[in-house]
N, C-alpha and C. Protein backbone atom coordinates (compact mmCIF):
# COMPACT_ATOMS: atom_id res chain seq x y z
N MET A 1 66.24 -50.36 -11.25
CA MET A 1 65.69 -48.77 -11.64
C MET A 1 65.17 -48.30 -10.26
N ASP A 2 65.15 -46.96 -10.56
CA ASP A 2 64.81 -46.30 -9.28
C ASP A 2 63.37 -46.08 -9.79
N TYR A 3 62.41 -46.04 -8.67
CA TYR A 3 60.92 -45.74 -8.76
C TYR A 3 60.42 -44.53 -9.41
N ARG A 4 61.46 -43.33 -9.45
CA ARG A 4 61.38 -42.19 -9.84
C ARG A 4 61.36 -42.59 -11.12
N LEU A 5 62.34 -43.18 -11.94
CA LEU A 5 62.21 -43.40 -13.42
C LEU A 5 61.43 -43.87 -14.21
N LYS A 6 60.93 -45.18 -13.21
CA LYS A 6 59.72 -45.79 -13.75
C LYS A 6 58.44 -45.37 -13.60
N ILE A 7 58.08 -44.23 -12.75
CA ILE A 7 57.28 -43.44 -13.04
C ILE A 7 57.23 -42.60 -14.48
N PHE A 8 58.40 -42.25 -14.26
CA PHE A 8 58.71 -40.88 -15.42
C PHE A 8 58.43 -41.77 -16.47
N TYR A 9 58.99 -42.91 -16.97
CA TYR A 9 58.68 -43.62 -18.12
C TYR A 9 57.37 -44.33 -18.18
N GLY A 10 56.79 -44.60 -17.31
CA GLY A 10 55.14 -44.77 -17.43
C GLY A 10 54.23 -43.73 -17.61
N LEU A 11 55.04 -42.31 -17.52
CA LEU A 11 54.25 -41.07 -18.09
C LEU A 11 54.54 -40.98 -19.02
N ILE A 12 55.75 -40.96 -19.89
CA ILE A 12 56.04 -40.74 -21.18
C ILE A 12 55.32 -41.72 -21.99
N CYS A 13 55.19 -43.28 -21.65
CA CYS A 13 54.37 -44.07 -22.36
C CYS A 13 52.77 -43.84 -22.85
N SER A 14 52.29 -43.29 -21.69
CA SER A 14 50.63 -42.85 -21.26
C SER A 14 50.65 -41.43 -22.10
N ALA A 15 51.43 -40.76 -22.65
CA ALA A 15 51.39 -39.52 -23.00
C ALA A 15 51.61 -39.75 -24.80
N LEU A 16 52.60 -40.85 -25.08
CA LEU A 16 52.87 -41.41 -26.25
C LEU A 16 51.37 -41.87 -27.10
N LEU A 17 50.83 -42.85 -25.86
CA LEU A 17 49.78 -43.33 -26.68
C LEU A 17 48.63 -42.64 -26.47
N GLY A 18 48.66 -41.34 -25.71
CA GLY A 18 47.19 -40.62 -26.04
C GLY A 18 47.61 -39.13 -27.28
N PHE A 19 48.71 -39.34 -27.71
CA PHE A 19 49.14 -38.97 -28.82
C PHE A 19 48.74 -39.22 -29.75
N LEU A 20 49.15 -40.75 -29.86
CA LEU A 20 48.56 -41.73 -31.23
C LEU A 20 47.15 -41.81 -31.18
N SER A 21 46.62 -41.86 -30.13
CA SER A 21 44.74 -41.79 -29.86
C SER A 21 44.06 -40.43 -31.04
N LEU A 22 45.10 -39.21 -30.24
CA LEU A 22 44.34 -38.34 -31.52
C LEU A 22 44.71 -38.28 -32.46
N GLN A 23 46.34 -38.61 -33.31
CA GLN A 23 46.54 -38.54 -34.44
C GLN A 23 45.91 -39.82 -35.49
N ASN A 24 45.52 -40.80 -34.30
CA ASN A 24 44.68 -42.10 -35.34
C ASN A 24 43.58 -42.42 -34.68
N PRO A 25 42.36 -41.81 -34.77
CA PRO A 25 41.27 -42.24 -34.07
C PRO A 25 40.89 -43.55 -34.28
N ALA A 26 41.54 -44.31 -35.41
CA ALA A 26 40.91 -45.77 -35.76
C ALA A 26 42.20 -46.73 -34.49
N PHE A 27 43.25 -46.37 -34.57
CA PHE A 27 44.13 -46.67 -33.51
C PHE A 27 43.35 -46.72 -32.08
N ALA A 28 42.77 -45.68 -31.71
CA ALA A 28 42.26 -45.39 -30.04
C ALA A 28 40.91 -46.72 -30.21
N LYS A 29 40.06 -46.69 -31.28
CA LYS A 29 39.04 -47.60 -31.33
C LYS A 29 39.40 -48.93 -31.46
N SER A 30 40.38 -49.54 -32.23
CA SER A 30 41.07 -51.14 -32.22
C SER A 30 41.68 -51.37 -30.95
N ALA A 31 42.44 -50.30 -29.75
CA ALA A 31 42.55 -50.48 -28.76
C ALA A 31 41.81 -50.57 -27.57
N THR A 32 40.58 -50.15 -27.87
CA THR A 32 39.56 -50.10 -26.48
C THR A 32 38.21 -51.06 -26.77
N ALA A 33 38.27 -51.15 -28.28
CA ALA A 33 37.01 -51.48 -28.50
C ALA A 33 36.72 -53.15 -28.27
N SER A 34 35.48 -53.80 -27.81
CA SER A 34 35.44 -55.11 -27.96
C SER A 34 35.22 -55.79 -28.97
N THR A 35 35.72 -57.10 -29.32
CA THR A 35 35.76 -57.45 -30.43
C THR A 35 34.63 -58.72 -30.40
N GLY A 36 33.62 -58.02 -29.58
CA GLY A 36 32.10 -58.97 -30.18
C GLY A 36 31.41 -58.77 -31.07
N HIS A 37 31.49 -57.55 -31.78
CA HIS A 37 31.24 -57.20 -32.96
C HIS A 37 31.59 -57.45 -34.04
N ALA A 38 32.47 -58.39 -33.98
CA ALA A 38 33.65 -58.70 -35.41
C ALA A 38 33.03 -59.40 -36.31
N ASP A 39 32.07 -60.03 -36.05
CA ASP A 39 31.52 -61.36 -36.44
C ASP A 39 30.26 -61.05 -37.20
N LYS A 40 29.96 -60.10 -36.69
CA LYS A 40 28.32 -59.39 -37.58
C LYS A 40 28.49 -59.18 -38.86
N GLN A 41 27.24 -59.88 -39.41
CA GLN A 41 27.20 -58.82 -40.81
C GLN A 41 25.97 -58.67 -41.03
N ARG A 42 25.19 -58.08 -42.16
CA ARG A 42 24.13 -57.47 -42.45
C ARG A 42 23.14 -58.76 -43.12
N TYR A 43 22.08 -58.98 -42.52
CA TYR A 43 21.48 -59.79 -43.23
C TYR A 43 19.85 -59.20 -43.35
N ILE A 44 19.27 -59.52 -44.19
CA ILE A 44 18.00 -59.36 -44.94
C ILE A 44 17.19 -60.51 -44.59
N VAL A 45 15.85 -60.01 -43.65
CA VAL A 45 15.09 -61.26 -43.26
C VAL A 45 13.90 -60.41 -43.71
N VAL A 46 12.76 -61.78 -44.55
CA VAL A 46 11.72 -62.05 -44.94
C VAL A 46 11.16 -62.62 -44.19
N LEU A 47 9.67 -61.79 -43.54
CA LEU A 47 8.58 -62.28 -43.04
C LEU A 47 7.44 -62.91 -43.86
N ASP A 48 6.50 -63.82 -43.38
CA ASP A 48 5.19 -64.39 -44.08
C ASP A 48 4.25 -63.54 -44.38
N ASP A 49 4.19 -62.55 -43.64
CA ASP A 49 2.96 -61.71 -44.09
C ASP A 49 2.93 -60.86 -45.37
N LEU A 50 1.93 -60.95 -46.41
CA LEU A 50 2.39 -59.97 -47.25
C LEU A 50 2.55 -59.04 -47.32
N PRO A 51 3.22 -58.40 -48.37
CA PRO A 51 3.54 -56.97 -48.30
C PRO A 51 2.33 -55.99 -48.69
N LEU A 52 2.51 -54.79 -48.42
CA LEU A 52 1.84 -54.04 -48.77
C LEU A 52 1.17 -53.68 -50.60
N ALA A 53 2.30 -54.03 -51.19
CA ALA A 53 1.86 -54.05 -52.88
C ALA A 53 1.17 -55.36 -53.19
N ILE A 54 1.31 -56.15 -52.87
CA ILE A 54 0.61 -57.45 -53.00
C ILE A 54 -0.66 -58.26 -52.34
N TYR A 55 -1.17 -57.46 -51.08
CA TYR A 55 -1.71 -58.43 -50.03
C TYR A 55 -3.40 -58.18 -50.81
N ASP A 56 -3.69 -59.11 -51.00
CA ASP A 56 -4.96 -59.52 -52.18
C ASP A 56 -6.43 -59.57 -50.77
N GLY A 57 -5.84 -59.42 -49.64
CA GLY A 57 -7.41 -59.46 -48.91
C GLY A 57 -7.70 -60.39 -48.25
N ARG A 58 -6.76 -61.65 -48.19
CA ARG A 58 -6.92 -62.73 -47.79
C ARG A 58 -6.94 -62.54 -45.78
N THR A 59 -7.39 -64.07 -45.55
CA THR A 59 -7.41 -64.06 -44.09
C THR A 59 -6.19 -63.88 -43.55
N VAL A 60 -5.81 -62.54 -42.31
CA VAL A 60 -4.49 -62.72 -41.60
C VAL A 60 -4.80 -63.30 -40.23
N LYS A 61 -3.48 -63.68 -39.62
CA LYS A 61 -3.59 -64.00 -38.08
C LYS A 61 -3.44 -62.72 -37.62
N THR A 62 -4.31 -62.53 -36.33
CA THR A 62 -4.53 -61.28 -35.80
C THR A 62 -4.01 -61.67 -34.34
N PRO A 63 -3.42 -62.19 -33.42
CA PRO A 63 -3.45 -62.53 -32.25
C PRO A 63 -3.09 -61.55 -31.08
N GLU A 64 -2.34 -60.39 -32.06
CA GLU A 64 -2.05 -59.05 -31.57
C GLU A 64 -3.26 -58.27 -31.23
N ARG A 65 -4.29 -58.69 -31.81
CA ARG A 65 -5.35 -58.04 -31.78
C ARG A 65 -6.65 -59.01 -30.80
N ASN A 66 -6.18 -59.65 -30.05
CA ASN A 66 -7.03 -60.51 -29.25
C ASN A 66 -8.24 -61.48 -30.12
N LYS A 67 -7.93 -61.06 -31.55
CA LYS A 67 -8.59 -61.99 -32.43
C LYS A 67 -7.59 -63.14 -32.97
N ALA A 68 -8.62 -64.20 -33.25
CA ALA A 68 -8.05 -65.45 -33.79
C ALA A 68 -7.47 -65.40 -35.51
N SER A 69 -8.19 -64.68 -36.10
CA SER A 69 -7.79 -63.79 -37.64
C SER A 69 -9.04 -62.84 -37.72
N MET A 70 -8.82 -62.17 -39.08
CA MET A 70 -9.38 -61.34 -39.43
C MET A 70 -8.95 -61.01 -41.10
N ARG A 71 -10.18 -60.09 -41.91
CA ARG A 71 -9.55 -59.92 -43.20
C ARG A 71 -9.73 -58.32 -43.19
N LEU A 72 -8.71 -58.08 -44.22
CA LEU A 72 -8.76 -56.28 -44.38
C LEU A 72 -8.73 -56.44 -45.90
N GLN A 73 -8.83 -55.10 -46.16
CA GLN A 73 -9.30 -54.58 -47.78
C GLN A 73 -7.93 -54.96 -48.32
N ALA A 74 -8.28 -55.44 -49.66
CA ALA A 74 -7.05 -55.59 -50.63
C ALA A 74 -6.24 -54.51 -50.74
N THR A 75 -5.03 -54.73 -50.83
CA THR A 75 -4.59 -53.49 -51.60
C THR A 75 -3.94 -53.48 -52.67
N ALA A 76 -3.68 -54.78 -52.95
CA ALA A 76 -2.85 -54.97 -54.12
C ALA A 76 -3.74 -54.33 -55.51
N ASN A 77 -2.37 -53.39 -56.63
CA ASN A 77 -3.23 -52.39 -57.92
C ASN A 77 -4.03 -53.22 -58.30
N HIS A 78 -3.92 -54.69 -58.80
CA HIS A 78 -4.87 -55.40 -59.65
C HIS A 78 -6.23 -55.63 -58.82
N LEU A 79 -6.41 -55.26 -57.65
CA LEU A 79 -7.77 -55.81 -56.97
C LEU A 79 -8.43 -54.56 -56.29
N THR A 80 -7.46 -53.12 -56.24
CA THR A 80 -8.29 -52.16 -56.57
C THR A 80 -8.65 -51.69 -57.13
N GLY A 81 -7.87 -51.58 -58.80
CA GLY A 81 -7.95 -50.67 -59.59
C GLY A 81 -7.63 -49.50 -60.17
N LYS A 82 -6.46 -49.01 -59.13
CA LYS A 82 -5.34 -48.36 -59.44
C LYS A 82 -4.32 -48.32 -59.87
N ARG A 83 -3.66 -47.86 -60.72
CA ARG A 83 -2.54 -48.10 -61.70
C ARG A 83 -1.32 -48.03 -60.67
N LYS A 84 -1.55 -46.63 -59.34
CA LYS A 84 -0.65 -46.73 -58.84
C LYS A 84 -0.47 -47.41 -57.19
N LEU A 85 0.54 -47.98 -56.36
CA LEU A 85 0.14 -48.21 -55.24
C LEU A 85 0.06 -46.94 -54.46
N ASP A 86 -0.88 -46.92 -53.55
CA ASP A 86 -0.73 -45.76 -52.51
C ASP A 86 -0.93 -46.21 -51.12
N PRO A 87 0.18 -45.85 -50.58
CA PRO A 87 0.19 -45.86 -49.42
C PRO A 87 -0.23 -44.93 -48.15
N HIS A 88 -1.00 -44.22 -48.61
CA HIS A 88 -1.70 -43.39 -47.96
C HIS A 88 -3.32 -43.41 -47.85
N SER A 89 -3.47 -44.34 -48.59
CA SER A 89 -5.04 -44.46 -48.47
C SER A 89 -5.40 -45.47 -47.78
N SER A 90 -6.54 -44.80 -46.99
CA SER A 90 -7.55 -45.41 -45.87
C SER A 90 -6.98 -46.78 -45.80
N ASN A 91 -7.23 -47.68 -46.70
CA ASN A 91 -7.17 -49.29 -46.36
C ASN A 91 -5.05 -49.67 -46.38
N SER A 92 -4.67 -48.99 -46.92
CA SER A 92 -3.43 -49.22 -46.67
C SER A 92 -2.43 -48.74 -45.55
N LYS A 93 -3.40 -47.85 -44.98
CA LYS A 93 -2.68 -47.17 -43.40
C LYS A 93 -2.97 -48.78 -42.35
N LYS A 94 -4.52 -49.11 -42.48
CA LYS A 94 -4.81 -50.09 -41.71
C LYS A 94 -4.19 -51.33 -42.12
N TYR A 95 -3.60 -51.82 -43.01
CA TYR A 95 -2.81 -52.67 -43.61
C TYR A 95 -1.44 -52.60 -42.86
N LEU A 96 -0.78 -51.53 -42.99
CA LEU A 96 0.25 -51.04 -42.48
C LEU A 96 0.45 -51.21 -41.09
N GLN A 97 -0.24 -50.72 -40.47
CA GLN A 97 -0.67 -50.81 -38.87
C GLN A 97 -0.68 -52.34 -38.57
N PHE A 98 -1.29 -53.19 -39.49
CA PHE A 98 -1.47 -54.50 -38.98
C PHE A 98 0.46 -54.98 -39.41
N LEU A 99 0.50 -55.07 -40.12
CA LEU A 99 2.25 -55.08 -39.96
C LEU A 99 3.14 -54.73 -39.26
N ASP A 100 2.51 -53.48 -38.53
CA ASP A 100 3.90 -52.97 -37.68
C ASP A 100 3.34 -53.80 -36.12
N GLU A 101 1.93 -54.24 -35.96
CA GLU A 101 1.70 -54.99 -34.79
C GLU A 101 2.42 -56.41 -34.85
N ARG A 102 2.33 -57.11 -35.78
CA ARG A 102 2.98 -58.11 -36.21
C ARG A 102 4.63 -58.23 -36.14
N PHE A 103 5.15 -56.87 -36.24
CA PHE A 103 6.50 -57.24 -36.37
C PHE A 103 6.75 -56.69 -34.93
N GLU A 104 6.16 -56.35 -33.98
CA GLU A 104 6.32 -55.75 -32.77
C GLU A 104 6.25 -56.98 -31.94
N SER A 105 5.25 -57.95 -32.84
CA SER A 105 5.24 -59.17 -32.01
C SER A 105 6.22 -60.32 -32.02
N PHE A 106 6.62 -59.88 -33.51
CA PHE A 106 8.16 -60.56 -33.94
C PHE A 106 8.91 -60.57 -32.94
N ARG A 107 9.23 -59.08 -32.76
CA ARG A 107 10.84 -58.44 -32.08
C ARG A 107 10.79 -59.38 -31.06
N GLY A 108 9.52 -59.50 -29.98
CA GLY A 108 9.55 -60.01 -28.70
C GLY A 108 10.29 -61.72 -28.77
N GLU A 109 9.32 -62.32 -30.11
CA GLU A 109 9.82 -63.74 -30.46
C GLU A 109 11.02 -63.72 -30.42
N ALA A 110 11.85 -63.02 -31.24
CA ALA A 110 13.49 -62.95 -31.74
C ALA A 110 14.20 -62.63 -30.09
N LEU A 111 13.55 -61.76 -29.32
CA LEU A 111 14.42 -61.52 -28.15
C LEU A 111 14.61 -62.69 -27.24
N LEU A 112 13.34 -63.92 -27.42
CA LEU A 112 13.37 -65.12 -26.39
C LEU A 112 14.30 -65.98 -27.13
N LYS A 113 14.43 -65.69 -28.88
CA LYS A 113 15.32 -66.96 -29.21
C LYS A 113 16.56 -66.64 -29.41
N MET A 114 16.94 -65.03 -29.57
CA MET A 114 18.48 -64.64 -29.90
C MET A 114 19.17 -64.30 -28.25
N GLY A 115 18.23 -63.91 -27.30
CA GLY A 115 18.47 -63.47 -25.93
C GLY A 115 19.21 -61.98 -25.79
N ARG A 116 18.55 -61.29 -26.94
CA ARG A 116 18.94 -59.86 -27.01
C ARG A 116 17.94 -58.86 -28.07
N LYS A 117 17.71 -57.77 -27.61
CA LYS A 117 16.84 -56.68 -28.24
C LYS A 117 17.53 -57.00 -29.84
N LEU A 118 16.19 -57.09 -30.66
CA LEU A 118 16.88 -57.19 -32.14
C LEU A 118 16.11 -55.89 -32.38
N LYS A 119 17.48 -55.30 -33.51
CA LYS A 119 17.62 -53.66 -33.91
C LYS A 119 17.59 -53.65 -35.29
N PRO A 120 16.26 -53.32 -35.53
CA PRO A 120 16.75 -53.44 -37.35
C PRO A 120 17.61 -52.18 -37.75
N VAL A 121 17.99 -52.32 -38.96
CA VAL A 121 18.64 -51.01 -39.87
C VAL A 121 17.73 -50.90 -40.43
N HIS A 122 17.29 -51.33 -41.36
CA HIS A 122 15.99 -50.86 -42.34
C HIS A 122 14.74 -52.02 -41.96
N ARG A 123 13.30 -51.40 -41.88
CA ARG A 123 12.33 -51.93 -42.30
C ARG A 123 11.41 -51.94 -43.25
N TYR A 124 11.34 -53.33 -44.30
CA TYR A 124 10.65 -52.81 -45.07
C TYR A 124 8.78 -53.61 -45.13
N ARG A 125 8.20 -52.68 -45.82
CA ARG A 125 6.50 -52.87 -45.90
C ARG A 125 5.96 -53.27 -47.08
N ASN A 126 6.31 -52.43 -48.40
CA ASN A 126 6.15 -51.94 -49.16
C ASN A 126 5.68 -53.34 -50.53
N ALA A 127 6.99 -53.26 -50.59
CA ALA A 127 7.25 -54.21 -51.64
C ALA A 127 7.52 -55.85 -50.88
N LEU A 128 8.17 -55.46 -49.97
CA LEU A 128 8.51 -56.81 -49.05
C LEU A 128 8.48 -56.29 -48.07
N ASN A 129 7.88 -57.63 -47.31
CA ASN A 129 7.96 -57.52 -45.48
C ASN A 129 8.61 -58.22 -44.97
N GLY A 130 9.82 -57.10 -44.56
CA GLY A 130 10.73 -57.94 -43.43
C GLY A 130 11.77 -56.59 -42.65
N PHE A 131 12.92 -56.80 -43.05
CA PHE A 131 14.13 -56.02 -42.44
C PHE A 131 15.34 -56.44 -42.51
N SER A 132 16.33 -55.78 -42.18
CA SER A 132 17.65 -55.70 -42.29
C SER A 132 18.39 -55.67 -40.65
N ALA A 133 19.20 -56.30 -40.57
CA ALA A 133 19.58 -56.13 -39.02
C ALA A 133 21.30 -56.95 -39.30
N GLU A 134 21.76 -56.19 -38.12
CA GLU A 134 23.25 -56.92 -38.00
C GLU A 134 23.00 -57.96 -36.99
N LEU A 135 23.88 -59.07 -37.59
CA LEU A 135 23.27 -60.76 -37.15
C LEU A 135 24.61 -61.43 -37.08
N THR A 136 25.52 -62.14 -36.13
CA THR A 136 25.80 -63.11 -36.20
C THR A 136 25.37 -64.17 -36.87
N ALA A 137 26.43 -65.21 -37.40
CA ALA A 137 25.67 -66.59 -37.89
C ALA A 137 24.59 -67.27 -37.24
N ALA A 138 24.90 -67.36 -35.65
CA ALA A 138 24.52 -68.23 -35.09
C ALA A 138 23.05 -67.41 -34.85
N GLU A 139 22.94 -66.00 -34.53
CA GLU A 139 21.74 -65.58 -34.52
C GLU A 139 20.71 -65.31 -35.83
N ALA A 140 21.60 -65.32 -36.89
CA ALA A 140 20.55 -65.67 -38.03
C ALA A 140 20.08 -66.85 -37.99
N GLN A 141 20.91 -68.18 -38.04
CA GLN A 141 20.49 -69.84 -37.68
C GLN A 141 18.85 -69.58 -36.72
N ALA A 142 19.07 -68.93 -36.01
CA ALA A 142 18.17 -68.61 -34.70
C ALA A 142 16.78 -68.04 -35.44
N LEU A 143 16.82 -67.07 -35.99
CA LEU A 143 15.94 -66.49 -36.97
C LEU A 143 15.42 -67.23 -38.25
N ARG A 144 15.96 -67.95 -38.27
CA ARG A 144 15.64 -69.04 -39.47
C ARG A 144 14.66 -70.24 -39.19
N GLU A 145 14.87 -70.19 -37.67
CA GLU A 145 14.07 -71.62 -37.09
C GLU A 145 12.53 -70.81 -36.73
N LEU A 146 12.28 -69.63 -36.30
CA LEU A 146 11.45 -68.98 -36.19
C LEU A 146 9.83 -69.43 -37.23
N PRO A 147 9.02 -69.77 -36.83
CA PRO A 147 7.85 -69.78 -37.83
C PRO A 147 7.24 -69.08 -38.53
N ARG A 148 7.66 -67.73 -38.08
CA ARG A 148 7.46 -66.51 -39.32
C ARG A 148 8.13 -66.20 -40.30
N VAL A 149 9.06 -66.63 -40.15
CA VAL A 149 10.66 -66.15 -41.07
C VAL A 149 10.07 -67.05 -42.37
N SER A 150 9.92 -66.28 -43.43
CA SER A 150 10.25 -67.21 -44.63
C SER A 150 11.49 -67.18 -45.21
N SER A 151 12.97 -66.35 -45.04
CA SER A 151 14.14 -66.52 -45.09
C SER A 151 15.17 -65.07 -44.51
N VAL A 152 15.98 -66.12 -44.61
CA VAL A 152 17.01 -65.05 -43.89
C VAL A 152 18.63 -65.03 -44.85
N ARG A 153 18.95 -64.08 -45.24
CA ARG A 153 19.77 -63.93 -46.32
C ARG A 153 20.79 -62.91 -45.65
N LEU A 154 22.32 -63.29 -46.46
CA LEU A 154 23.03 -62.67 -46.24
C LEU A 154 22.88 -61.21 -47.20
N ASP A 155 23.34 -60.03 -46.70
CA ASP A 155 22.99 -59.01 -47.56
C ASP A 155 24.34 -58.47 -48.27
N GLU A 156 24.44 -59.02 -49.53
CA GLU A 156 25.69 -59.22 -50.57
C GLU A 156 25.32 -57.98 -51.34
N ILE A 157 26.50 -57.53 -51.88
CA ILE A 157 26.90 -56.57 -53.24
C ILE A 157 26.78 -57.25 -54.36
N GLN A 158 25.53 -57.38 -55.03
CA GLN A 158 25.67 -57.99 -56.55
C GLN A 158 26.17 -57.17 -57.45
N ARG A 159 26.81 -57.76 -58.79
CA ARG A 159 27.20 -56.80 -59.82
C ARG A 159 26.46 -57.42 -60.72
N LEU A 160 26.55 -56.73 -61.72
CA LEU A 160 25.68 -56.87 -63.03
C LEU A 160 26.47 -57.67 -63.97
N GLU A 161 26.16 -58.97 -64.25
CA GLU A 161 26.91 -59.75 -65.40
C GLU A 161 26.82 -59.52 -66.66
N THR A 162 25.68 -59.00 -66.94
CA THR A 162 25.21 -59.03 -68.55
C THR A 162 24.06 -58.07 -68.56
N ASP A 163 23.53 -57.47 -69.73
CA ASP A 163 22.58 -56.59 -69.96
C ASP A 163 21.95 -57.29 -70.93
N SER A 164 21.93 -58.40 -71.75
CA SER A 164 21.24 -59.20 -72.09
C SER A 164 19.81 -59.58 -71.37
N GLY A 165 19.65 -59.56 -69.93
CA GLY A 165 18.81 -60.16 -69.74
C GLY A 165 17.05 -60.48 -70.20
N PRO A 166 16.76 -59.00 -70.40
CA PRO A 166 15.13 -58.94 -71.11
C PRO A 166 15.23 -59.77 -72.05
N ASN A 167 16.16 -60.49 -73.44
CA ASN A 167 15.98 -60.93 -74.04
C ASN A 167 15.72 -62.39 -73.50
N TRP A 168 16.31 -62.97 -72.16
CA TRP A 168 16.38 -64.22 -71.83
C TRP A 168 15.08 -64.78 -70.70
N LEU A 169 14.29 -63.02 -70.38
CA LEU A 169 13.39 -63.08 -70.04
C LEU A 169 11.94 -62.86 -70.66
N GLY A 170 12.27 -62.61 -71.74
CA GLY A 170 11.01 -62.74 -73.07
C GLY A 170 10.37 -61.20 -73.02
N ALA A 171 11.63 -60.40 -72.58
CA ALA A 171 10.34 -58.95 -72.30
C ALA A 171 10.72 -58.31 -73.70
N ASP A 172 10.99 -58.65 -74.91
CA ASP A 172 11.17 -58.72 -76.06
C ASP A 172 9.60 -58.67 -76.51
N LYS A 173 9.07 -59.70 -76.15
CA LYS A 173 7.62 -59.99 -76.54
C LYS A 173 6.63 -59.33 -75.77
N ILE A 174 7.00 -58.57 -74.80
CA ILE A 174 6.23 -57.33 -74.18
C ILE A 174 5.70 -56.53 -74.71
N TYR A 175 7.44 -56.18 -75.47
CA TYR A 175 7.63 -54.82 -76.20
C TYR A 175 7.03 -54.78 -77.22
N ASP A 176 7.02 -55.67 -78.53
CA ASP A 176 6.27 -55.78 -79.72
C ASP A 176 4.89 -56.17 -79.36
N GLY A 177 4.28 -56.66 -78.30
CA GLY A 177 3.06 -57.14 -78.11
C GLY A 177 2.83 -58.35 -78.23
N SER A 178 3.72 -59.45 -78.48
CA SER A 178 3.01 -60.75 -79.14
C SER A 178 2.56 -61.51 -77.66
N ALA A 179 3.45 -61.10 -76.13
CA ALA A 179 2.64 -61.87 -75.43
C ALA A 179 1.52 -61.24 -74.83
N GLY A 180 0.60 -60.67 -75.40
CA GLY A 180 -0.88 -60.32 -74.97
C GLY A 180 -0.93 -58.76 -74.94
N PHE A 181 0.28 -57.73 -74.18
CA PHE A 181 0.02 -57.13 -73.95
C PHE A 181 -0.04 -55.51 -75.37
N ALA A 182 -0.25 -54.79 -74.77
CA ALA A 182 -0.72 -53.67 -76.08
C ALA A 182 0.99 -53.41 -76.74
N ALA A 183 0.69 -53.44 -77.95
CA ALA A 183 2.31 -53.24 -78.50
C ALA A 183 2.66 -51.76 -78.64
N THR A 184 2.57 -50.91 -77.67
CA THR A 184 3.46 -49.79 -77.11
C THR A 184 4.87 -49.47 -77.18
N GLY A 185 5.21 -50.50 -77.38
CA GLY A 185 6.84 -50.28 -77.64
C GLY A 185 7.63 -49.93 -76.27
N GLY A 186 6.78 -49.85 -75.34
CA GLY A 186 7.44 -49.59 -73.92
C GLY A 186 6.83 -47.75 -73.65
N GLU A 187 5.96 -47.25 -74.48
CA GLU A 187 5.56 -46.16 -74.07
C GLU A 187 4.51 -46.09 -73.03
N GLY A 188 4.45 -44.96 -72.34
CA GLY A 188 4.19 -44.92 -71.26
C GLY A 188 4.61 -45.69 -69.80
N VAL A 189 5.64 -45.90 -69.92
CA VAL A 189 6.00 -47.03 -68.76
C VAL A 189 7.53 -46.21 -68.82
N ALA A 190 7.50 -46.05 -67.22
CA ALA A 190 8.77 -45.14 -66.60
C ALA A 190 9.60 -46.21 -66.03
N CYS A 191 10.76 -46.18 -66.74
CA CYS A 191 11.54 -47.40 -66.09
C CYS A 191 13.30 -46.16 -65.80
N PRO A 192 13.92 -46.78 -64.97
CA PRO A 192 14.91 -45.63 -64.29
C PRO A 192 16.38 -46.13 -65.49
N ALA A 193 16.82 -45.20 -65.70
CA ALA A 193 17.79 -45.52 -66.82
C ALA A 193 19.00 -46.16 -66.33
N GLY A 194 19.62 -47.08 -66.76
CA GLY A 194 20.62 -48.01 -66.48
C GLY A 194 20.34 -48.59 -65.32
N ALA A 195 19.04 -49.30 -65.04
CA ALA A 195 18.76 -50.22 -64.12
C ALA A 195 19.00 -51.68 -64.26
N GLY A 196 19.76 -52.24 -63.39
CA GLY A 196 19.66 -53.61 -63.71
C GLY A 196 18.95 -54.29 -63.30
N PHE A 197 18.57 -55.90 -63.51
CA PHE A 197 17.38 -56.46 -62.51
C PHE A 197 18.23 -57.63 -61.97
N ALA A 198 17.61 -58.11 -60.94
CA ALA A 198 18.09 -59.30 -59.82
C ALA A 198 17.05 -60.58 -59.74
N LEU A 199 17.24 -61.44 -60.11
CA LEU A 199 16.56 -62.48 -60.17
C LEU A 199 16.47 -63.48 -59.24
N TRP A 200 16.22 -63.38 -57.70
CA TRP A 200 16.07 -63.60 -56.87
C TRP A 200 15.23 -65.29 -56.37
N GLN A 201 16.09 -66.30 -56.35
CA GLN A 201 15.33 -67.29 -56.63
C GLN A 201 15.22 -68.10 -55.01
N SER A 202 13.62 -68.51 -54.40
CA SER A 202 13.81 -68.53 -53.14
C SER A 202 14.00 -69.89 -52.97
């Protein structure tokens, strides 16, 4: 074949690929992207320090502050006497700062264990102390082996199977007061409509 025809056909093929890329971005991405991220999934990692909502003032380890340990003021409602958690209070801010310092230290440990920088998708501090991240199965297992990790679970979509859970949990006794609470029938309790409840067994 004449070399000029080869050049012509090569230009035609290049133009066709360029046209397909413009018409279908997914085609361009699949043709050029690396497959290195194909096996990553989102995991939720729970750390061992208590979250803000239930911190009870216990002694905490603080090597990040050049101290073996220290105690901070409790932030749990049943100890502060408040009806609602206040993340903006002075004591809350101090404890959240402690959690952030611990988390940055943990990211250094994770770097050594995983061989790459940990990039959280979400960071949890109030009701749960942890984070979510895109990880391979091997990286998730590596994090499980770190001493400050309580659990590493795959982030999965859970579907509601029943709405009879309150009776199984004994919530009807809370409603009528037989559980020892005021028999207010739920009055004064804020609850989102259509809420579902998940039982997460550790």
